[in-house]
Amino acid sequence: MELRDVRRLSGVAIHPYRIVGAEPGEHIGLPSSTVTLIVDLDDGLRLSEPGRAGTRVFRTCLGGMHAEPVTIHHEGTQIGVAVSLAPSAVRTVFGLPAAQLWRTNIDLDDVAPGLARRLYDETGAVPHDERAGLAAGIIADAVGPSNGGSGDPDAERAWRLIQRTRGRITVSRLVELSGWSARYLTGVFTNEYGIGPKQAARIARYEHARQQLEAGATIVDAAFACGYSDQAHLTREFAAITGYPPKQFLAVRAAEFSGAR
């Protein structure tokens, strides 16, 4: 089940998930251009993060955009709901700019305690096989009128252009189209999203390349389609962002949740 554009709010997609019977292991939490809310309906979501010792356990985890992977540790079962939010939707749902969540993973209690409490209480009162659907419905109900106003229009326009071109637009072209100076545009963009337009474009282009590779494209073809200078350029960028060169990344992803049913 997947719910998109919940209650006419563009940029929100809800994905219930259920993985059981897999070998215990790790799952890569990949960088992306979206903010992610995970509602764990099993034994908690265990994360380890770059630059942070040890692991943390969440019942609900709101993860901001990031440019490096996190590691999710599991014992063979993962049950819950994943919610992907475009940065513009973060203001609508949580009343804060996506910049406040850049490179962070926090508990939903910290920004929406009422929603977190409802999820805990209501999903805990029904059988396991009903919890994901119930949690998805609760989240959909919670998506309503804007809580935080609109973001900076120049930043939002630049963000949309980056996403529309899948990261292939240059900062100089963004500046030209905005009519502002590079310093001004970078400032308002960073205030809204936590990163500058150059890094946002880098992540968007990587996402496009990953989609191409996961769909079966060769590294050479993906590099050409996504605007990298050559195969080596794509490989360097991919390794820097995911922690693995493309072929190894695909092998690691294929082995995740081995034996799941």
Protein backbone atom coordinates (compact mmCIF):
# COMPACT_ATOMS: atom_id res chain seq x y z
CA MET A 1 0.00 0.00 0.00
CA GLU A 2 1.26 3.47 -0.83
CA LEU A 3 -0.48 6.77 -0.25
CA ARG A 4 0.76 9.79 -2.22
CA ASP A 5 -0.20 13.47 -2.01
CA VAL A 6 -2.03 12.84 1.24
CA ARG A 7 -5.04 15.11 1.77
CA ARG A 8 -4.01 17.03 -1.34
CA LEU A 9 -0.64 17.84 0.24
CA SER A 10 1.95 17.45 -2.48
CA GLY A 11 5.24 15.96 -1.45
CA VAL A 12 4.10 13.40 1.13
CA ALA A 13 4.15 9.65 0.48
CA ILE A 14 3.31 6.98 3.08
CA HIS A 15 4.72 3.46 2.73
CA PRO A 16 3.77 0.72 5.23
CA TYR A 17 6.38 -2.06 5.21
CA ARG A 18 6.73 -5.56 6.66
CA ILE A 19 9.90 -7.66 6.43
CA VAL A 20 10.09 -10.91 8.41
CA GLY A 21 12.29 -14.00 8.36
CA ALA A 22 15.43 -12.28 7.09
CA GLU A 23 18.93 -13.00 8.30
CA PRO A 24 20.01 -10.53 11.02
CA GLY A 25 22.12 -7.81 9.50
CA GLU A 26 22.34 -4.21 8.41
CA HIS A 27 20.45 -1.98 6.01
CA ILE A 28 21.84 1.18 4.41
CA GLY A 29 19.85 4.33 5.12
CA LEU A 30 20.69 6.28 1.97
CA PRO A 31 21.08 10.03 1.46
CA SER A 32 18.12 11.60 -0.30
CA SER A 33 16.37 14.84 -1.16
CA THR A 34 13.53 14.09 1.24
CA VAL A 35 12.96 14.09 4.98
CA THR A 36 11.91 10.69 6.33
CA LEU A 37 9.69 9.74 9.25
CA ILE A 38 9.94 6.12 10.37
CA VAL A 39 7.33 4.67 12.72
CA ASP A 40 8.74 1.38 13.99
CA LEU A 41 6.10 -1.17 14.98
CA ASP A 42 8.43 -3.93 16.14
CA ASP A 43 11.32 -3.72 18.64
CA GLY A 44 12.60 -0.25 17.76
CA LEU A 45 14.71 1.21 14.97
CA ARG A 46 18.43 0.91 15.78
CA LEU A 47 20.65 3.42 14.00
CA SER A 48 24.35 4.16 13.89
CA GLU A 49 25.39 7.46 12.35
CA PRO A 50 28.62 8.93 10.95
CA GLY A 51 30.60 10.76 13.60
CA ARG A 52 28.49 9.42 16.46
CA ALA A 53 29.61 6.54 18.67
CA GLY A 54 27.29 3.62 19.37
CA THR A 55 23.71 3.13 18.26
CA ARG A 56 20.43 4.82 19.10
CA VAL A 57 17.01 3.18 19.28
CA PHE A 58 13.86 4.97 18.11
CA ARG A 59 10.17 4.11 18.19
CA THR A 60 9.58 7.03 15.86
CA CYS A 61 12.48 8.62 13.99
CA LEU A 62 12.35 11.87 12.03
CA GLY A 63 15.43 11.94 9.83
CA GLY A 64 16.48 15.09 8.04
CA MET A 65 18.19 15.23 4.69
CA HIS A 66 21.79 14.09 4.80
CA ALA A 67 24.72 13.57 2.45
CA GLU A 68 26.12 10.37 3.94
CA PRO A 69 24.52 7.03 4.80
CA VAL A 70 23.34 5.82 8.18
CA THR A 71 23.30 2.16 9.17
CA ILE A 72 20.12 0.45 10.34
CA HIS A 73 20.72 -2.69 12.41
CA HIS A 74 18.05 -5.40 12.49
CA GLU A 75 17.45 -8.92 13.78
CA GLY A 76 15.63 -10.12 10.67
CA THR A 77 12.34 -8.30 11.17
CA GLN A 78 11.31 -4.77 10.27
CA ILE A 79 7.68 -3.69 10.53
CA GLY A 80 6.48 -0.13 10.36
CA VAL A 81 5.58 2.86 8.24
CA ALA A 82 7.96 5.11 6.29
CA VAL A 83 6.83 8.61 5.38
CA SER A 84 8.77 10.59 2.76
CA LEU A 85 8.35 14.35 2.89
CA ALA A 86 9.58 16.87 0.37
CA PRO A 87 11.29 19.75 2.21
CA SER A 88 8.38 22.09 1.46
CA ALA A 89 6.02 19.64 3.17
CA VAL A 90 8.10 19.68 6.37
CA ARG A 91 6.86 23.20 7.11
CA THR A 92 3.29 22.17 6.42
CA VAL A 93 3.33 19.08 8.61
CA PHE A 94 5.73 20.05 11.40
CA GLY A 95 5.88 23.84 11.28
CA LEU A 96 9.63 24.15 10.80
CA PRO A 97 12.07 24.48 7.90
CA ALA A 98 13.89 21.41 6.64
CA ALA A 99 17.14 23.19 7.57
CA GLN A 100 16.47 22.47 11.24
CA LEU A 101 16.61 18.74 10.49
CA TRP A 102 19.74 18.70 8.29
CA ARG A 103 21.99 15.78 9.28
CA THR A 104 19.87 14.95 12.32
CA ASN A 105 17.75 12.03 13.47
CA ILE A 106 15.34 12.89 16.27
CA ASP A 107 12.33 11.36 17.95
CA LEU A 108 8.93 12.47 16.69
CA ASP A 109 8.17 13.43 20.31
CA ASP A 110 10.54 16.37 19.89
CA VAL A 111 8.47 18.10 17.20
CA ALA A 112 4.99 16.51 17.30
CA PRO A 113 4.37 14.95 20.73
CA GLY A 114 0.63 14.67 20.21
CA LEU A 115 1.04 12.68 17.01
CA ALA A 116 3.72 10.50 18.59
CA ARG A 117 1.50 9.73 21.59
CA ARG A 118 -1.45 8.85 19.38
CA LEU A 119 0.72 6.49 17.34
CA TYR A 120 2.07 4.79 20.48
CA ASP A 121 -1.32 4.42 22.14
CA GLU A 122 -3.48 3.38 19.21
CA THR A 123 -1.09 1.00 17.47
CA GLY A 124 -0.29 -0.65 20.79
CA ALA A 125 -3.94 -1.55 21.24
CA VAL A 126 -4.37 -3.63 18.06
CA PRO A 127 -2.82 -6.89 16.78
CA HIS A 128 0.59 -6.69 15.08
CA ASP A 129 -0.75 -7.35 11.59
CA GLU A 130 -3.09 -4.35 11.84
CA ARG A 131 -0.59 -1.81 13.15
CA ALA A 132 1.03 -0.64 9.92
CA GLY A 133 -2.29 0.16 8.26
CA LEU A 134 -3.54 1.92 11.39
CA ALA A 135 -0.34 3.98 11.72
CA ALA A 136 -0.55 5.00 8.05
CA GLY A 137 -4.11 6.17 8.59
CA ILE A 138 -3.18 8.15 11.71
CA ILE A 139 -0.39 9.91 9.86
CA ALA A 140 -2.66 10.69 6.91
CA ASP A 141 -5.23 12.16 9.31
CA ALA A 142 -2.55 14.33 10.91
CA VAL A 143 -1.59 15.96 7.62
CA GLY A 144 -3.70 19.08 7.56
CA PRO A 145 -3.44 22.83 7.04
CA SER A 146 -0.02 24.44 7.14
CA ASN A 147 1.47 24.86 10.60
CA GLY A 148 4.50 26.89 9.60
CA GLY A 149 3.64 29.16 6.71
CA SER A 150 5.45 29.07 3.41
CA GLY A 151 9.19 29.03 2.90
CA ASP A 152 11.29 31.57 1.05
CA PRO A 153 9.94 31.72 -2.53
CA ASP A 154 13.37 32.19 -4.11
CA ALA A 155 14.74 29.17 -2.27
CA GLU A 156 11.70 27.08 -3.18
CA ARG A 157 11.95 28.07 -6.84
CA ALA A 158 15.62 27.08 -6.93
CA TRP A 159 14.85 23.78 -5.19
CA ARG A 160 12.17 22.93 -7.73
CA LEU A 161 14.57 23.65 -10.60
CA ILE A 162 17.21 21.41 -9.07
CA GLN A 163 14.73 18.56 -8.68
CA ARG A 164 13.21 19.10 -12.13
CA THR A 165 16.64 18.93 -13.79
CA ARG A 166 17.74 16.08 -11.50
CA GLY A 167 20.70 18.09 -10.34
CA ARG A 168 22.06 19.02 -13.75
CA ILE A 169 21.40 22.75 -13.46
CA THR A 170 24.41 24.86 -12.46
CA VAL A 171 24.48 27.33 -9.59
CA SER A 172 25.33 30.10 -12.06
CA ARG A 173 22.17 29.29 -14.03
CA LEU A 174 20.09 29.28 -10.84
CA VAL A 175 21.52 32.69 -9.97
CA GLU A 176 20.77 33.99 -13.46
CA LEU A 177 17.17 32.80 -13.31
CA SER A 178 16.63 34.16 -9.79
CA GLY A 179 17.85 37.67 -10.55
CA TRP A 180 19.70 37.75 -7.23
CA SER A 181 23.39 37.50 -6.38
CA ALA A 182 24.98 34.11 -5.76
CA ARG A 183 25.60 35.11 -2.15
CA TYR A 184 21.98 36.04 -1.54
CA LEU A 185 20.52 32.97 -3.23
CA THR A 186 22.91 30.61 -1.44
CA GLY A 187 22.04 32.26 1.87
CA VAL A 188 18.26 31.96 1.59
CA PHE A 189 18.58 28.46 0.16
CA THR A 190 20.78 27.29 3.03
CA ASN A 191 18.48 28.90 5.61
CA GLU A 192 15.57 26.92 4.18
CA TYR A 193 17.20 23.54 3.50
CA GLY A 194 20.40 23.37 5.56
CA ILE A 195 22.58 22.94 2.46
CA GLY A 196 23.55 25.15 -0.45
CA PRO A 197 22.24 24.69 -3.99
CA LYS A 198 25.48 23.04 -5.18
CA GLN A 199 25.21 20.26 -2.59
CA ALA A 200 21.47 19.87 -3.20
CA ALA A 201 22.18 19.39 -6.91
CA ARG A 202 24.89 16.86 -6.09
CA ILE A 203 22.44 14.77 -4.07
CA ALA A 204 19.72 15.04 -6.72
CA ARG A 205 22.11 13.90 -9.44
CA TYR A 206 23.29 10.97 -7.30
CA GLU A 207 19.66 9.92 -6.75
CA HIS A 208 19.09 9.90 -10.49
CA ALA A 209 22.24 7.84 -11.02
CA ARG A 210 21.19 5.34 -8.36
CA GLN A 211 17.80 4.94 -10.01
CA GLN A 212 19.50 4.32 -13.35
CA LEU A 213 21.88 1.73 -11.91
CA GLU A 214 19.16 -0.06 -9.94
CA ALA A 215 17.13 -0.25 -13.16
CA GLY A 216 20.01 -2.09 -14.87
CA ALA A 217 21.95 0.68 -16.61
CA THR A 218 25.69 0.29 -16.99
CA ILE A 219 27.93 2.70 -15.12
CA VAL A 220 28.94 4.29 -18.44
CA ASP A 221 25.33 4.79 -19.52
CA ALA A 222 24.30 6.12 -16.10
CA ALA A 223 27.20 8.57 -16.11
CA PHE A 224 26.15 9.88 -19.51
CA ALA A 225 22.44 10.09 -18.62
CA CYS A 226 23.09 11.93 -15.37
CA GLY A 227 25.67 14.41 -16.61
CA TYR A 228 28.83 13.07 -14.98
CA SER A 229 32.01 13.74 -16.92
CA ASP A 230 32.82 10.03 -17.16
CA GLN A 231 32.50 6.66 -15.43
CA ALA A 232 35.25 7.49 -12.95
CA HIS A 233 33.48 10.71 -11.94
CA LEU A 234 30.24 8.86 -11.20
CA THR A 235 32.12 6.16 -9.29
CA ARG A 236 33.89 8.72 -7.08
CA GLU A 237 30.69 10.59 -6.31
CA PHE A 238 28.74 7.40 -5.66
CA ALA A 239 31.38 6.09 -3.25
CA ALA A 240 31.56 9.43 -1.44
CA ILE A 241 27.79 9.58 -0.93
CA THR A 242 26.85 5.92 -0.31
CA GLY A 243 30.12 4.55 1.06
CA TYR A 244 30.44 2.07 -1.83
CA PRO A 245 31.41 2.18 -5.51
CA PRO A 246 28.45 1.34 -7.76
CA LYS A 247 28.99 -2.39 -8.33
CA GLN A 248 29.68 -3.09 -4.67
CA PHE A 249 26.70 -0.96 -3.66
CA LEU A 250 24.35 -2.98 -5.87
CA ALA A 251 25.72 -6.23 -4.44
CA VAL A 252 25.28 -5.02 -0.86
CA ARG A 253 21.72 -3.86 -1.55
CA ALA A 254 20.84 -7.17 -3.20
CA ALA A 255 22.02 -9.05 -0.11
CA GLU A 256 20.02 -6.96 2.35
CA PHE A 257 17.19 -8.84 4.08
CA SER A 258 18.38 -12.17 2.69
CA GLY A 259 15.77 -14.87 3.32
CA ALA A 260 12.93 -12.42 3.98
CA ARG A 261 9.41 -13.45 3.21
